[in-house]
């Protein structure tokens, strides 16, 4: 006996929530289509199904079948939810122009222009995606007795930056290092009600997934900074902040990720208020008194 056709979601919000809920159980092809819909909702009303399928790395027929599996009669019915939301809300800024043509052309000026256009687009998309979520993430971290942060390989600078900045006005912030194969030792200290910040983009490292899993098992709150709301570290996170990693170079960009880290620390400082200012003043005084900085001009 065939399974009854499910009722399709009636709003874009409910559709995206359903995709996140079912993502782990979808086929690999369906996951490719679902990931694109979740990460690029502003593009769906503007691009053809064929272009979306190409960008998602799937066949156009996959998008049709995905729509039907969710209860829609076809792709256009699913797409209409994105179109309605697009018409009702503020018009999103377009993606930075792809720099492929510029990269193929010779001339360092063109290459430089392509890079900065891509970074400008990354920053714009990251700002739009997280405007409502940053205060939520900051409140979650501020309420935790201890905050742990992890990022490996190319994401280590992001984790270290968050740790360094946050430690300037809060002592209970710890960097998970995993040096010398001792990751499990770092994870032993995770305790219920602590918060863990995990940072990664595709391809996701095994270490960061281990940290996220250990955090959940220990009863910690998890804040994920990643390139997708369906990244392995994001699927069960309490809050996910997404940053764009587009780049005309050979390696994904972490520029927007660093900006997101700085914006999150800014929110944390603002929420703590006068207490943060006092702690920051004490940290600055200690840095100067211990000779961490060179004396400024005019002070010998």
Protein backbone atom coordinates (compact mmCIF):
# COMPACT_ATOMS: atom_id res chain seq x y z
CA UNK A 1 0.00 0.00 0.00
CA UNK A 2 1.50 3.37 -1.03
CA UNK A 3 2.21 6.02 1.56
CA UNK A 4 -0.22 8.98 1.58
CA UNK A 5 1.11 12.18 0.05
CA UNK A 6 2.09 14.61 2.82
CA UNK A 7 0.50 18.03 3.03
CA UNK A 8 2.96 20.61 1.68
CA UNK A 9 4.14 23.43 3.95
CA UNK A 10 2.18 26.64 3.48
CA UNK A 11 4.89 29.14 4.38
CA UNK A 12 8.57 29.46 3.58
CA UNK A 13 9.41 29.39 7.28
CA UNK A 14 7.64 26.06 7.76
CA UNK A 15 9.26 24.64 4.61
CA UNK A 16 12.76 25.53 5.78
CA UNK A 17 12.04 24.13 9.24
CA UNK A 18 10.83 20.88 7.66
CA UNK A 19 13.97 20.62 5.51
CA UNK A 20 16.21 21.09 8.53
CA UNK A 21 14.24 18.50 10.49
CA UNK A 22 14.35 15.87 7.73
CA UNK A 23 17.80 16.66 6.32
CA UNK A 24 19.74 13.87 8.03
CA UNK A 25 17.37 11.22 6.64
CA UNK A 26 17.34 12.45 3.04
CA UNK A 27 19.23 10.79 0.20
CA UNK A 28 22.54 12.31 -0.85
CA UNK A 29 20.94 13.91 -3.91
CA UNK A 30 18.02 15.31 -1.93
CA UNK A 31 20.46 16.66 0.66
CA UNK A 32 22.26 18.59 -2.10
CA UNK A 33 19.01 20.24 -3.18
CA UNK A 34 17.82 20.86 0.37
CA UNK A 35 21.12 22.40 1.38
CA UNK A 36 20.91 24.92 -1.45
CA UNK A 37 17.33 25.89 -0.53
CA UNK A 38 18.32 26.37 3.12
CA UNK A 39 21.51 28.30 2.47
CA UNK A 40 20.38 30.44 -0.50
CA UNK A 41 16.66 31.18 -0.12
CA UNK A 42 17.13 34.64 -1.63
CA UNK A 43 18.40 33.11 -4.88
CA UNK A 44 15.49 30.72 -5.51
CA UNK A 45 13.05 33.38 -6.81
CA UNK A 46 15.69 34.84 -9.11
CA UNK A 47 17.23 31.80 -10.80
CA UNK A 48 15.92 29.09 -13.10
CA UNK A 49 15.51 25.56 -11.83
CA UNK A 50 18.32 24.44 -14.13
CA UNK A 51 20.70 27.07 -12.74
CA UNK A 52 19.79 26.20 -9.15
CA UNK A 53 20.35 22.51 -9.89
CA UNK A 54 23.77 23.29 -11.38
CA UNK A 55 24.79 25.40 -8.39
CA UNK A 56 23.50 22.73 -6.01
CA UNK A 57 25.37 19.97 -7.85
CA UNK A 58 22.25 17.93 -8.65
CA UNK A 59 20.05 17.17 -11.65
CA UNK A 60 16.95 19.34 -12.29
CA UNK A 61 14.80 16.22 -11.88
CA UNK A 62 16.13 15.87 -8.35
CA UNK A 63 14.60 19.23 -7.42
CA UNK A 64 11.26 18.11 -8.85
CA UNK A 65 11.33 14.86 -6.89
CA UNK A 66 12.39 16.68 -3.72
CA UNK A 67 9.44 19.03 -4.08
CA UNK A 68 7.06 16.12 -4.63
CA UNK A 69 8.44 14.25 -1.59
CA UNK A 70 7.47 17.29 0.51
CA UNK A 71 3.89 17.23 -0.77
CA UNK A 72 4.11 19.74 -3.62
CA UNK A 73 2.87 18.83 -7.09
CA UNK A 74 6.17 20.01 -8.56
CA UNK A 75 9.04 22.46 -8.40
CA UNK A 76 7.03 25.58 -9.27
CA UNK A 77 4.67 25.07 -6.34
CA UNK A 78 7.61 24.85 -3.94
CA UNK A 79 9.33 27.83 -5.58
CA UNK A 80 6.21 29.94 -5.12
CA UNK A 81 6.79 30.01 -1.36
CA UNK A 82 10.18 31.63 -1.97
CA UNK A 83 8.65 34.07 -4.46
CA UNK A 84 5.94 35.13 -2.00
CA UNK A 85 8.48 35.70 0.76
CA UNK A 86 10.68 37.64 -1.66
CA UNK A 87 7.80 39.94 -2.62
CA UNK A 88 6.66 40.45 0.97
CA UNK A 89 10.04 41.21 2.53
CA UNK A 90 12.87 43.63 1.84
CA UNK A 91 14.74 42.96 -1.36
CA UNK A 92 18.04 41.21 -0.59
CA UNK A 93 21.28 42.55 -1.93
CA UNK A 94 22.48 40.58 -4.94
CA UNK A 95 25.44 38.27 -4.68
CA UNK A 96 28.79 39.74 -5.56
CA UNK A 97 29.45 39.24 -9.24
CA UNK A 98 31.20 36.00 -9.90
CA UNK A 99 34.81 36.67 -10.68
CA UNK A 100 35.48 33.69 -12.90
CA UNK A 101 35.94 35.77 -16.04
CA UNK A 102 38.26 38.17 -14.23
CA UNK A 103 40.34 35.32 -12.85
CA UNK A 104 40.78 33.87 -16.33
CA UNK A 105 42.01 37.20 -17.64
CA UNK A 106 45.54 38.31 -17.03
CA UNK A 107 46.52 41.26 -14.91
CA UNK A 108 47.01 41.52 -11.15
CA UNK A 109 44.61 44.47 -10.91
CA UNK A 110 41.76 42.33 -12.19
CA UNK A 111 42.61 39.52 -9.81
CA UNK A 112 42.73 41.93 -6.90
CA UNK A 113 39.40 43.45 -7.92
CA UNK A 114 37.82 40.01 -8.15
CA UNK A 115 39.02 39.11 -4.66
CA UNK A 116 37.70 42.27 -3.04
CA UNK A 117 34.37 42.00 -4.85
CA UNK A 118 33.99 38.48 -3.49
CA UNK A 119 34.86 39.58 0.05
CA UNK A 120 32.41 42.47 -0.15
CA UNK A 121 29.68 40.01 -1.13
CA UNK A 122 30.67 37.60 1.63
CA UNK A 123 30.37 40.33 4.24
CA UNK A 124 27.01 41.55 2.95
CA UNK A 125 25.47 38.08 2.91
CA UNK A 126 26.86 37.22 6.32
CA UNK A 127 25.50 40.43 7.83
CA UNK A 128 22.03 39.80 6.37
CA UNK A 129 21.93 36.19 7.49
CA UNK A 130 22.84 36.87 11.13
CA UNK A 131 21.27 40.20 12.06
CA UNK A 132 18.52 38.54 14.12
CA UNK A 133 20.60 35.62 15.40
CA UNK A 134 23.65 37.39 16.83
CA UNK A 135 21.87 38.69 19.97
CA UNK A 136 20.43 35.21 20.54
CA UNK A 137 23.85 33.57 20.30
CA UNK A 138 25.39 36.20 22.58
CA UNK A 139 22.68 35.72 25.22
CA UNK A 140 23.24 31.97 25.18
CA UNK A 141 27.00 32.36 25.68
CA UNK A 142 26.67 35.07 28.30
CA UNK A 143 24.43 32.81 30.42
CA UNK A 144 26.89 29.89 30.46
CA UNK A 145 29.25 29.40 33.44
CA UNK A 146 32.11 28.59 31.06
CA UNK A 147 32.49 29.06 27.30
CA UNK A 148 34.71 26.73 25.25
CA UNK A 149 35.63 27.39 21.62
CA UNK A 150 37.06 25.08 18.96
CA UNK A 151 38.18 25.50 15.38
CA UNK A 152 40.77 23.42 13.57
CA UNK A 153 43.04 23.88 10.56
CA UNK A 154 41.94 26.99 8.61
CA UNK A 155 39.28 27.73 11.24
CA UNK A 156 41.79 27.80 14.09
CA UNK A 157 42.45 31.55 13.59
CA UNK A 158 38.72 32.20 13.98
CA UNK A 159 38.53 30.19 17.20
CA UNK A 160 41.71 31.78 18.55
CA UNK A 161 40.44 35.25 17.65
CA UNK A 162 37.18 34.66 19.50
CA UNK A 163 39.05 33.27 22.52
CA UNK A 164 41.52 36.15 22.60
CA UNK A 165 38.92 38.91 22.29
CA UNK A 166 36.39 37.42 24.69
CA UNK A 167 39.09 36.71 27.28
CA UNK A 168 39.89 40.44 27.38
CA UNK A 169 36.74 40.97 29.47
CA UNK A 170 35.76 37.48 30.65
CA UNK A 171 38.04 34.91 32.28
CA UNK A 172 35.81 31.84 31.91
CA UNK A 173 36.60 31.38 28.21
CA UNK A 174 38.69 28.39 27.10
CA UNK A 175 40.25 27.39 23.79
CA UNK A 176 40.00 23.70 22.87
CA UNK A 177 43.37 22.97 21.29
CA UNK A 178 43.75 19.21 20.92
CA UNK A 179 47.51 19.59 20.61
CA UNK A 180 49.57 16.42 20.42
CA UNK A 181 46.49 14.24 19.98
CA UNK A 182 45.06 15.26 23.37
CA UNK A 183 41.62 16.38 22.21
CA UNK A 184 39.86 13.97 24.57
CA UNK A 185 41.63 15.64 27.51
CA UNK A 186 40.27 19.03 26.48
CA UNK A 187 36.78 17.56 26.21
CA UNK A 188 36.79 16.10 29.73
CA UNK A 189 36.20 19.52 31.26
CA UNK A 190 32.92 20.12 29.42
CA UNK A 191 30.13 20.35 31.95
CA UNK A 192 26.35 20.72 31.87
CA UNK A 193 25.19 24.30 31.26
CA UNK A 194 28.56 25.26 29.72
CA UNK A 195 28.50 26.60 26.16
CA UNK A 196 30.68 25.42 23.28
CA UNK A 197 31.38 27.43 20.14
CA UNK A 198 32.32 25.23 17.17
CA UNK A 199 33.63 26.74 13.93
CA UNK A 200 34.07 24.94 10.61
CA UNK A 201 33.20 24.97 6.91
CA UNK A 202 33.20 22.24 4.26
CA UNK A 203 35.02 19.89 4.16
CA UNK A 204 34.35 19.56 7.89
CA UNK A 205 37.12 18.19 10.09
CA UNK A 206 36.57 15.05 12.15
CA UNK A 207 37.87 16.87 15.22
CA UNK A 208 35.22 19.58 15.14
CA UNK A 209 32.45 16.99 14.80
CA UNK A 210 33.88 15.17 17.83
CA UNK A 211 33.79 18.42 19.80
CA UNK A 212 30.18 19.11 18.84
CA UNK A 213 29.11 15.56 19.73
CA UNK A 214 30.95 15.68 23.07
CA UNK A 215 29.35 19.02 23.87
CA UNK A 216 25.86 17.64 23.31
CA UNK A 217 26.59 14.53 25.38
CA UNK A 218 27.91 16.69 28.21
CA UNK A 219 24.75 18.78 28.30
CA UNK A 220 26.36 21.92 26.92
CA UNK A 221 24.73 24.53 24.76
CA UNK A 222 26.22 24.61 21.27
CA UNK A 223 26.71 27.66 19.06
CA UNK A 224 27.89 26.77 15.54
CA UNK A 225 29.62 29.14 13.14
CA UNK A 226 29.63 27.48 9.74
CA UNK A 227 28.97 27.82 6.04
CA UNK A 228 25.60 26.04 6.18
CA UNK A 229 22.64 25.54 8.51
CA UNK A 230 22.84 21.84 7.70
CA UNK A 231 26.56 21.43 8.35
CA UNK A 232 27.29 18.44 10.65
CA UNK A 233 28.08 20.81 13.52
CA UNK A 234 24.94 22.87 12.89
CA UNK A 235 22.16 20.28 12.65
CA UNK A 236 21.81 19.87 16.42
CA UNK A 237 23.25 23.21 17.52
CA UNK A 238 21.20 25.48 19.75
CA UNK A 239 22.08 28.44 17.54
CA UNK A 240 23.80 28.56 14.14
CA UNK A 241 25.48 31.60 12.61
CA UNK A 242 26.30 31.22 8.92
CA UNK A 243 29.19 32.92 7.13
CA UNK A 244 29.89 32.99 3.41
CA UNK A 245 33.17 31.52 2.16
CA UNK A 246 33.05 32.40 -1.56
CA UNK A 247 36.42 33.20 -3.10
CA UNK A 248 37.92 33.46 -6.60
CA UNK A 249 41.09 31.97 -5.13
CA UNK A 250 41.89 28.28 -4.69
CA UNK A 251 40.75 28.17 -1.03
CA UNK A 252 37.53 29.22 0.72
CA UNK A 253 37.63 32.62 2.38
CA UNK A 254 37.52 33.11 6.17
CA UNK A 255 37.14 36.90 5.99
CA UNK A 256 33.41 36.90 6.71
CA UNK A 257 33.96 34.28 9.41
CA UNK A 258 36.36 36.62 11.22
CA UNK A 259 33.92 39.50 10.86
CA UNK A 260 31.21 37.28 12.36
CA UNK A 261 33.49 36.41 15.29
CA UNK A 262 34.15 40.10 15.92
CA UNK A 263 30.44 40.93 15.69
CA UNK A 264 29.62 38.18 18.19
CA UNK A 265 32.21 39.47 20.66
CA UNK A 266 30.82 42.98 20.15
CA UNK A 267 27.36 41.70 21.13
CA UNK A 268 28.79 39.98 24.19
CA UNK A 269 30.54 43.14 25.30
CA UNK A 270 27.41 45.24 24.79
CA UNK A 271 25.26 42.79 26.74
CA UNK A 272 27.64 42.69 29.72
CA UNK A 273 27.81 46.48 29.87
CA UNK A 274 29.75 48.20 32.65
CA UNK A 275 31.14 44.92 33.98
CA UNK A 276 32.81 44.26 30.63
CA UNK A 277 34.24 47.77 30.48
CA UNK A 278 35.82 47.40 33.92
CA UNK A 279 37.32 44.01 33.04
CA UNK A 280 38.62 45.38 29.74
CA UNK A 281 40.27 48.32 31.50
CA UNK A 282 41.99 45.94 33.91
CA UNK A 283 43.22 43.76 31.03
CA UNK A 284 44.60 46.76 29.17
CA UNK A 285 46.35 48.05 32.27
CA UNK A 286 47.96 44.66 32.86
CA UNK A 287 49.12 44.39 29.24
CA UNK A 288 50.82 47.77 29.44
CA UNK A 289 52.29 47.25 32.91
CA UNK A 290 53.84 43.89 31.98
CA UNK A 291 55.49 45.32 28.89
CA UNK A 292 53.36 43.38 26.40
CA UNK A 293 53.23 46.46 24.16
CA UNK A 294 56.00 48.75 23.02
CA UNK A 295 55.77 52.23 24.57
CA UNK A 296 53.94 54.68 22.34
CA UNK A 297 55.74 57.58 20.66
CA UNK A 298 56.51 60.38 23.10
CA UNK A 299 56.78 58.03 26.09
CA UNK A 300 60.40 57.02 25.55
